[in-house]
Amino acid sequence: MAELSPTAARRTLLASVMIINMGFTVLFPVLSPLGRELGFNEIQITSIIAMSSVIVFLSTPVWGRISDRLGRKRVMLIGIFGFCFGTVLFTSVLYAGLAGWVTGWILYGLLVVARMVHASIMSAAMPAATAYMADITSVAERTKGMGAAGAAGNLGSILGPGLAALAVISLLAPLWAIAAVALCNGLLVLLMLPESPRGRSRERPPRVRYSDPRVVPFLVVGVLMFMGFGLVQQTMGFRFQDALGLGAADTAQIVGTAMMLSAGCSLFSQGVIVQRLDIAPFTLLKLALPLLILAFVLMATQESRLWLTLALGIQGLGMGLAGPGFMAGASLAVSAEEQGAVAGVAGSCGPLGWTIGPLLGGALYQYEYWLPYAFTAAVYVVLLGFMPWLGRRVVRGPDSP
């Protein structure tokens, strides 16, 4: 294979990140109506994602370190082809449930197991991709590089929920479609992406612990932000369906459209604001919090499709600022030899937030529809008050400018 130029390699990487995020987000608009069609309650539906997120949380740091040893490309391929296999497995179980071949707790258990197998392998993709971006960007370019990766991810987050339009054919059609797209993504990486310039290491990869003072401020903010993001992604289907009195297929399409707007706003934050303005990573996190507070207040208090959709758009703006600030801040706090390790640790904050958020959201939603959003807004208000204290603990890495 002819060696690609750095620019071509970067474009191939960003295209792959986009498709990976399509796969992560296509399930969100369809899982809530699918779960209700199968007779599950809100806690059962959200726990499927939450339990698989535990596996991603545990696996991501391991895959990050493995990418230091085996190389970024190999680990990305494991994650992408594993995602394809896991999606086919999970969707097949859903099909069996909709056909009435398996029901009740047996069906629920099979879905949990299938999703956990899925999660254990697909979790290899993102830490390897993030570490690859760190490998091909200089220190001065790191925040913009992570912003570009975030923008590509958010473009995927626009296209992923957009596949929910296929729900008019079948509620499972979006999932079958993304399995095919993931297969094409794996072939793209296999044929077009060179190994990162860092290559493979014969030495034992270093570990970055969650208690490492260099990254703790970013991890605290990251987990709480992803908690809110996971809560919204897994309860807004219920919120739209109940507030507007929608059927399953209409819910999937309307929520998919709203999530596309949210991802588009996040794309604007990462593709325009972060790329054009030179803003320090922790400052991006401080700018994101007021936007997130406003979004959750609207989700708790408004009932119309317009306002609920607007709330998701505002949340997208906030998460678009938070994402590159979180990942670039953690990356710049450590040395070049620790990029795979820190990508794994930082990458696991999302799954940890996704473990807490859906379970918390499902439980609170069953009690009162507004409680998940009011609770999260209150948490963010407290976090905003602690930001100056956390900011004083930000440690600059040996290569930081």
Protein backbone atom coordinates (compact mmCIF):
# COMPACT_ATOMS: atom_id res chain seq x y z
CA MET A 1 0.00 0.00 0.00
CA ALA A 2 1.34 3.43 -0.92
CA GLU A 3 2.05 5.59 2.08
CA LEU A 4 -0.56 8.32 2.57
CA SER A 5 0.42 11.91 3.21
CA PRO A 6 -0.25 13.20 6.76
CA THR A 7 -3.22 15.18 5.45
CA ALA A 8 -4.72 12.15 3.71
CA ALA A 9 -4.16 9.99 6.79
CA ARG A 10 -5.88 12.60 8.94
CA ARG A 11 -8.87 12.74 6.59
CA THR A 12 -9.17 8.96 6.60
CA LEU A 13 -9.03 8.96 10.40
CA LEU A 14 -11.72 11.65 10.64
CA ALA A 15 -13.96 9.76 8.22
CA SER A 16 -13.59 6.67 10.37
CA VAL A 17 -14.38 8.60 13.57
CA MET A 18 -17.51 9.94 11.86
CA ILE A 19 -18.71 6.44 10.99
CA ILE A 20 -17.86 5.08 14.46
CA ASN A 21 -20.06 7.76 16.00
CA MET A 22 -22.85 6.99 13.55
CA GLY A 23 -22.83 3.51 15.01
CA PHE A 24 -22.87 4.76 18.60
CA THR A 25 -25.83 7.10 18.08
CA VAL A 26 -28.16 5.27 15.68
CA LEU A 27 -29.61 3.20 18.53
CA PHE A 28 -30.74 6.15 20.67
CA PRO A 29 -33.89 7.23 18.76
CA VAL A 30 -35.12 3.67 18.26
CA LEU A 31 -34.35 1.92 21.55
CA SER A 32 -37.06 3.61 23.63
CA PRO A 33 -39.95 2.81 21.24
CA LEU A 34 -38.43 -0.63 20.53
CA GLY A 35 -38.28 -1.40 24.24
CA ARG A 36 -41.90 -0.42 24.75
CA GLU A 37 -42.93 -2.55 21.77
CA LEU A 38 -41.22 -5.48 23.52
CA GLY A 39 -43.09 -4.76 26.76
CA PHE A 40 -40.16 -3.43 28.82
CA ASN A 41 -40.46 -0.58 31.32
CA GLU A 42 -38.23 2.49 31.37
CA ILE A 43 -35.69 1.08 33.83
CA GLN A 44 -35.31 -2.15 31.86
CA ILE A 45 -34.80 -0.23 28.61
CA THR A 46 -32.23 2.20 30.00
CA SER A 47 -30.44 -0.55 31.95
CA ILE A 48 -29.57 -2.33 28.69
CA ILE A 49 -27.41 0.65 27.74
CA ALA A 50 -26.21 1.23 31.30
CA MET A 51 -24.92 -2.30 31.80
CA SER A 52 -23.16 -2.33 28.46
CA SER A 53 -21.63 1.03 29.41
CA VAL A 54 -20.08 -0.62 32.47
CA ILE A 55 -18.27 -2.97 30.10
CA VAL A 56 -17.08 -0.07 27.94
CA PHE A 57 -15.92 1.76 31.09
CA LEU A 58 -13.85 -1.27 32.16
CA SER A 59 -12.57 -2.12 28.67
CA THR A 60 -11.63 1.29 27.26
CA PRO A 61 -8.52 1.92 29.43
CA VAL A 62 -7.30 -1.59 28.62
CA TRP A 63 -7.76 -1.07 24.87
CA GLY A 64 -5.99 2.29 25.14
CA ARG A 65 -2.91 0.64 26.63
CA ILE A 66 -3.11 -2.23 24.13
CA SER A 67 -3.02 0.33 21.31
CA ASP A 68 0.34 1.51 22.68
CA ARG A 69 1.61 -2.05 22.32
CA LEU A 70 -0.12 -3.38 19.19
CA GLY A 71 -0.51 -0.11 17.29
CA ARG A 72 -3.47 2.22 16.79
CA LYS A 73 -4.63 0.77 13.47
CA ARG A 74 -4.84 -2.83 14.66
CA VAL A 75 -6.88 -1.90 17.70
CA MET A 76 -9.17 0.35 15.66
CA LEU A 77 -9.86 -2.57 13.33
CA ILE A 78 -10.69 -4.85 16.26
CA GLY A 79 -13.18 -2.28 17.53
CA ILE A 80 -14.80 -1.52 14.16
CA PHE A 81 -15.26 -5.11 12.99
CA GLY A 82 -16.30 -6.03 16.53
CA PHE A 83 -18.95 -3.31 16.35
CA CYS A 84 -20.26 -4.82 13.11
CA PHE A 85 -20.48 -8.31 14.64
CA GLY A 86 -22.03 -7.02 17.88
CA THR A 87 -24.67 -5.00 16.05
CA VAL A 88 -25.74 -8.03 14.02
CA LEU A 89 -25.94 -10.10 17.22
CA PHE A 90 -27.94 -7.49 19.18
CA THR A 91 -30.31 -6.79 16.28
CA SER A 92 -30.91 -10.51 15.76
CA VAL A 93 -32.04 -10.84 19.38
CA LEU A 94 -34.34 -7.83 18.94
CA TYR A 95 -35.79 -9.46 15.84
CA ALA A 96 -36.46 -12.65 17.79
CA GLY A 97 -38.26 -10.60 20.44
CA LEU A 98 -40.43 -8.71 17.96
CA ALA A 99 -41.30 -11.99 16.23
CA GLY A 100 -42.42 -13.45 19.56
CA TRP A 101 -39.86 -16.23 19.55
CA VAL A 102 -38.41 -15.06 22.88
CA THR A 103 -40.21 -12.92 25.47
CA GLY A 104 -40.05 -11.57 29.02
CA TRP A 105 -37.02 -11.87 31.21
CA ILE A 106 -35.30 -14.37 28.91
CA LEU A 107 -35.43 -11.82 26.10
CA TYR A 108 -34.21 -9.08 28.44
CA GLY A 109 -31.28 -11.23 29.59
CA LEU A 110 -30.30 -12.11 26.01
CA LEU A 111 -30.37 -8.43 25.03
CA VAL A 112 -28.15 -7.51 27.97
CA VAL A 113 -25.64 -10.27 27.19
CA ALA A 114 -25.60 -9.41 23.47
CA ARG A 115 -25.06 -5.74 24.19
CA MET A 116 -22.27 -6.48 26.69
CA VAL A 117 -20.45 -8.68 24.17
CA HIS A 118 -20.92 -5.88 21.64
CA ALA A 119 -19.55 -3.30 24.09
CA SER A 120 -16.47 -5.29 25.10
CA ILE A 121 -15.15 -5.34 21.53
CA MET A 122 -16.40 -2.05 20.07
CA SER A 123 -14.78 -0.15 22.97
CA ALA A 124 -11.42 -0.66 21.25
CA ALA A 125 -12.18 1.80 18.46
CA MET A 126 -12.38 5.23 20.08
CA PRO A 127 -9.34 5.23 22.43
CA ALA A 128 -7.18 3.99 19.54
CA ALA A 129 -8.59 6.69 17.23
CA THR A 130 -8.09 9.39 19.88
CA ALA A 131 -4.51 8.29 20.54
CA TYR A 132 -3.90 8.25 16.76
CA MET A 133 -5.00 11.90 16.59
CA ALA A 134 -2.61 12.74 19.43
CA ASP A 135 0.18 10.95 17.54
CA ILE A 136 -0.29 13.00 14.35
CA THR A 137 -0.78 16.45 15.93
CA SER A 138 1.78 18.71 17.54
CA VAL A 139 1.30 20.12 21.02
CA ALA A 140 0.18 23.46 19.58
CA GLU A 141 -2.35 21.70 17.34
CA ARG A 142 -3.69 19.28 19.95
CA THR A 143 -6.88 21.12 21.00
CA LYS A 144 -7.81 21.83 17.37
CA GLY A 145 -7.00 18.24 16.43
CA MET A 146 -9.29 16.92 19.15
CA GLY A 147 -11.86 19.49 18.05
CA ALA A 148 -11.65 18.19 14.48
CA ALA A 149 -12.12 14.64 15.73
CA GLY A 150 -15.04 15.83 17.82
CA ALA A 151 -16.54 17.61 14.82
CA ALA A 152 -16.22 14.44 12.74
CA GLY A 153 -17.83 12.50 15.56
CA ASN A 154 -20.68 14.95 15.71
CA LEU A 155 -21.19 14.75 11.98
CA GLY A 156 -21.57 11.03 12.57
CA SER A 157 -23.97 11.83 15.40
CA ILE A 158 -26.07 13.78 12.91
CA LEU A 159 -26.09 11.00 10.35
CA GLY A 160 -26.61 8.21 12.90
CA PRO A 161 -29.97 9.39 14.28
CA GLY A 162 -30.86 10.37 10.71
CA LEU A 163 -30.90 6.65 9.91
CA ALA A 164 -33.92 6.49 12.24
CA ALA A 165 -35.92 7.62 9.21
CA LEU A 166 -35.59 3.99 8.07
CA ALA A 167 -37.91 3.10 10.96
CA VAL A 168 -40.81 3.68 8.55
CA ILE A 169 -39.67 0.41 6.93
CA SER A 170 -38.98 -1.40 10.20
CA LEU A 171 -37.82 -0.39 13.67
CA LEU A 172 -34.80 -2.64 13.09
CA ALA A 173 -33.90 -1.25 9.65
CA PRO A 174 -31.59 1.49 11.08
CA LEU A 175 -29.61 -1.14 12.99
CA TRP A 176 -29.18 -3.46 10.03
CA ALA A 177 -28.07 -0.45 7.97
CA ILE A 178 -25.42 0.64 10.47
CA ALA A 179 -23.97 -2.88 10.61
CA ALA A 180 -23.36 -2.63 6.85
CA VAL A 181 -21.86 0.86 7.21
CA ALA A 182 -19.54 -0.40 9.99
CA LEU A 183 -18.31 -3.19 7.72
CA CYS A 184 -17.45 -0.60 5.04
CA ASN A 185 -15.69 1.50 7.69
CA GLY A 186 -13.52 -1.44 8.69
CA LEU A 187 -12.51 -1.97 5.06
CA LEU A 188 -11.75 1.77 4.73
CA VAL A 189 -9.37 1.68 7.71
CA LEU A 190 -7.81 -1.61 6.61
CA LEU A 191 -7.03 -0.39 3.10
CA MET A 192 -6.49 3.37 3.52
CA LEU A 193 -5.15 4.20 6.99
CA PRO A 194 -1.42 3.72 7.67
CA GLU A 195 -0.16 2.82 11.11
CA SER A 196 0.37 5.91 13.25
CA PRO A 197 3.87 7.46 13.17
CA ARG A 198 4.46 6.32 16.72
CA GLY A 199 4.21 2.68 15.63
CA ARG A 200 4.24 -0.17 18.10
CA SER A 201 6.14 -0.32 21.37
CA ARG A 202 8.00 -3.36 22.68
CA GLU A 203 7.94 -1.94 26.17
CA ARG A 204 5.19 -2.46 28.70
CA PRO A 205 2.70 0.39 28.10
CA PRO A 206 2.48 2.93 30.94
CA ARG A 207 -0.64 3.28 33.05
CA VAL A 208 -2.50 6.47 33.86
CA ARG A 209 -4.68 6.06 36.92
CA TYR A 210 -8.00 7.76 37.55
CA SER A 211 -6.46 9.31 40.67
CA ASP A 212 -3.57 10.84 38.69
CA PRO A 213 -3.59 14.53 39.74
CA ARG A 214 -2.67 15.58 36.21
CA VAL A 215 -6.03 14.46 34.80
CA VAL A 216 -8.42 14.43 37.79
CA PRO A 217 -10.00 17.87 37.07
CA PHE A 218 -10.82 16.83 33.51
CA LEU A 219 -12.14 13.42 34.59
CA VAL A 220 -14.51 14.92 37.19
CA VAL A 221 -16.04 17.32 34.71
CA GLY A 222 -16.09 14.71 31.95
CA VAL A 223 -17.95 12.06 33.93
CA LEU A 224 -20.64 14.50 35.08
CA MET A 225 -21.12 15.96 31.62
CA PHE A 226 -21.44 12.54 30.04
CA MET A 227 -23.82 11.51 32.81
CA GLY A 228 -26.18 14.26 31.68
CA PHE A 229 -25.64 13.40 28.02
CA GLY A 230 -26.42 9.72 28.60
CA LEU A 231 -29.47 10.60 30.69
CA VAL A 232 -30.88 12.74 27.88
CA GLN A 233 -30.12 10.30 25.09
CA GLN A 234 -31.97 7.51 26.89
CA THR A 235 -34.97 9.42 28.29
CA MET A 236 -35.84 12.00 25.63
CA GLY A 237 -37.55 9.29 23.61
CA PHE A 238 -39.94 8.82 26.54
CA ARG A 239 -40.22 12.60 26.96
CA PHE A 240 -41.20 13.28 23.34
CA GLN A 241 -43.51 10.26 23.17
CA ASP A 242 -45.36 11.13 26.39
CA ALA A 243 -45.49 14.91 25.92
CA LEU A 244 -46.70 14.74 22.31
CA GLY A 245 -48.69 11.48 22.45
CA LEU A 246 -46.70 9.80 19.67
CA GLY A 247 -46.57 6.25 18.36
CA ALA A 248 -43.36 4.21 18.22
CA ALA A 249 -42.35 4.97 14.61
CA ASP A 250 -43.21 8.69 14.91
CA THR A 251 -41.21 8.91 18.14
CA ALA A 252 -38.13 7.40 16.48
CA GLN A 253 -38.32 9.86 13.57
CA ILE A 254 -39.01 13.00 15.64
CA VAL A 255 -36.37 12.20 18.27
CA GLY A 256 -33.93 11.34 15.49
CA THR A 257 -34.51 14.77 13.93
CA ALA A 258 -34.04 16.52 17.28
CA MET A 259 -30.82 14.60 17.92
CA MET A 260 -29.58 15.56 14.47
CA LEU A 261 -30.07 19.22 15.43
CA SER A 262 -28.21 18.62 18.69
CA ALA A 263 -25.32 17.01 16.88
CA GLY A 264 -25.35 19.81 14.29
CA CYS A 265 -25.01 22.42 17.04
CA SER A 266 -22.19 20.41 18.57
CA LEU A 267 -20.56 20.25 15.14
CA PHE A 268 -20.75 24.06 14.95
CA SER A 269 -19.07 24.39 18.35
CA GLN A 270 -16.25 22.04 17.46
CA GLY A 271 -15.88 22.87 13.79
CA VAL A 272 -16.13 26.66 14.05
CA ILE A 273 -15.68 27.97 17.61
CA VAL A 274 -12.92 25.58 18.71
CA GLN A 275 -11.12 25.67 15.35
CA ARG A 276 -11.11 29.47 14.97
CA LEU A 277 -10.56 30.60 18.54
CA ASP A 278 -7.53 29.74 20.64
CA ILE A 279 -9.27 28.77 23.90
CA ALA A 280 -7.58 26.78 26.67
CA PRO A 281 -9.11 23.33 27.31
CA PHE A 282 -10.37 24.04 30.84
CA THR A 283 -11.84 27.36 29.70
CA LEU A 284 -13.92 25.45 27.14
CA LEU A 285 -15.33 23.35 29.97
CA LYS A 286 -16.26 26.46 31.96
CA LEU A 287 -18.03 27.96 28.93
CA ALA A 288 -19.98 24.75 28.34
CA LEU A 289 -21.62 24.49 31.77
CA PRO A 290 -24.03 27.49 31.58
CA LEU A 291 -25.30 26.21 28.24
CA LEU A 292 -25.89 22.75 29.68
CA ILE A 293 -27.72 24.18 32.70
CA LEU A 294 -30.06 26.15 30.43
CA ALA A 295 -30.72 23.08 28.26
CA PHE A 296 -31.72 20.91 31.22
CA VAL A 297 -33.96 23.59 32.69
CA LEU A 298 -35.84 23.73 29.37
CA MET A 299 -36.15 19.94 29.27
CA ALA A 300 -37.67 19.95 32.75
CA THR A 301 -40.12 22.79 32.22
CA GLN A 302 -41.24 22.76 28.57
CA GLU A 303 -43.76 20.49 26.85
CA SER A 304 -43.82 21.48 23.16
CA ARG A 305 -41.82 19.85 20.38
CA LEU A 306 -40.20 23.21 19.53
CA TRP A 307 -38.85 23.86 23.03
CA LEU A 308 -37.73 20.28 23.63
CA THR A 309 -35.91 20.29 20.30
CA LEU A 310 -34.34 23.68 21.11
CA ALA A 311 -33.17 22.29 24.46
CA LEU A 312 -31.37 19.47 22.67
CA GLY A 313 -29.77 22.01 20.33
CA ILE A 314 -28.44 24.06 23.27
CA GLN A 315 -27.14 20.91 24.90
CA GLY A 316 -25.34 20.11 21.65
CA LEU A 317 -23.61 23.50 21.69
CA GLY A 318 -22.45 22.89 25.25
CA MET A 319 -21.20 19.37 24.63
CA GLY A 320 -19.44 20.59 21.49
CA LEU A 321 -17.33 22.90 23.63
CA ALA A 322 -16.84 20.38 26.42
CA GLY A 323 -15.67 17.44 24.27
CA PRO A 324 -12.43 18.84 22.82
CA GLY A 325 -11.69 20.71 26.07
CA PHE A 326 -11.97 17.47 28.01
CA MET A 327 -9.93 15.27 25.65
CA ALA A 328 -7.27 17.87 24.76
CA GLY A 329 -6.81 18.87 28.40
CA ALA A 330 -6.19 15.28 29.47
CA SER A 331 -3.89 14.65 26.48
CA LEU A 332 -1.77 17.75 27.10
CA ALA A 333 -1.37 16.89 30.79
CA VAL A 334 0.73 13.78 30.09
CA SER A 335 3.78 12.79 28.04
CA ALA A 336 3.85 11.44 24.48
CA GLU A 337 4.49 7.90 25.77
CA GLU A 338 1.26 8.00 27.80
CA GLN A 339 -1.13 9.05 25.02
CA GLY A 340 -2.72 5.62 24.58
CA ALA A 341 -3.11 5.20 28.31
CA VAL A 342 -4.64 8.64 28.87
CA ALA A 343 -6.92 8.19 25.84
CA GLY A 344 -8.22 5.01 27.45
CA VAL A 345 -8.78 6.61 30.85
CA ALA A 346 -10.37 9.76 29.44
CA GLY A 347 -12.39 7.70 26.98
CA SER A 348 -13.83 5.63 29.81
CA CYS A 349 -15.39 8.72 31.40
CA GLY A 350 -18.08 8.68 28.74
CA PRO A 351 -19.09 5.07 29.46
CA LEU A 352 -19.05 5.74 33.22
CA GLY A 353 -21.35 8.71 32.69
CA TRP A 354 -23.45 6.53 30.41
CA THR A 355 -23.69 3.91 33.15
CA ILE A 356 -24.96 6.41 35.72
CA GLY A 357 -27.06 8.60 33.43
CA PRO A 358 -29.49 6.08 31.86
CA LEU A 359 -30.10 4.23 35.15
CA LEU A 360 -30.62 7.46 37.06
CA GLY A 361 -32.74 8.94 34.29
CA GLY A 362 -34.93 5.87 33.94
CA ALA A 363 -35.55 5.63 37.68
CA LEU A 364 -36.33 9.34 38.11
CA TYR A 365 -38.48 9.46 34.98
CA GLN A 366 -40.74 6.71 36.30
CA TYR A 367 -41.39 8.87 39.36
CA GLU A 368 -41.80 12.29 37.67
CA TYR A 369 -41.02 13.15 34.04
CA TRP A 370 -39.21 16.40 34.96
CA LEU A 371 -37.02 14.98 37.73
CA PRO A 372 -34.10 13.64 35.61
CA TYR A 373 -33.55 17.02 33.98
CA ALA A 374 -34.05 19.14 37.11
CA PHE A 375 -31.65 16.91 39.06
CA THR A 376 -28.96 17.15 36.37
CA ALA A 377 -29.34 20.93 36.10
CA ALA A 378 -28.81 21.15 39.88
CA VAL A 379 -25.67 18.98 39.64
CA TYR A 380 -24.27 21.27 36.95
CA VAL A 381 -25.00 24.37 39.02
CA VAL A 382 -22.96 22.86 41.87
CA LEU A 383 -20.20 21.85 39.44
CA LEU A 384 -20.08 25.38 38.01
CA GLY A 385 -19.49 26.67 41.54
CA PHE A 386 -16.57 24.25 41.97
CA MET A 387 -14.91 25.07 38.63
CA PRO A 388 -12.49 27.69 40.05
CA TRP A 389 -11.35 25.14 42.66
CA LEU A 390 -10.89 22.43 40.02
CA GLY A 391 -9.13 24.88 37.70
CA ARG A 392 -6.43 25.57 40.28
CA ARG A 393 -5.59 21.85 40.19
CA VAL A 394 -5.02 21.63 36.44
CA VAL A 395 -1.48 20.33 35.88
CA ARG A 396 0.37 21.22 32.68
CA GLY A 397 2.18 18.29 31.08
CA PRO A 398 5.87 18.21 30.13
CA ASP A 399 5.04 19.04 26.51
CA SER A 400 2.38 21.67 27.16
CA PRO A 401 2.91 25.07 25.53
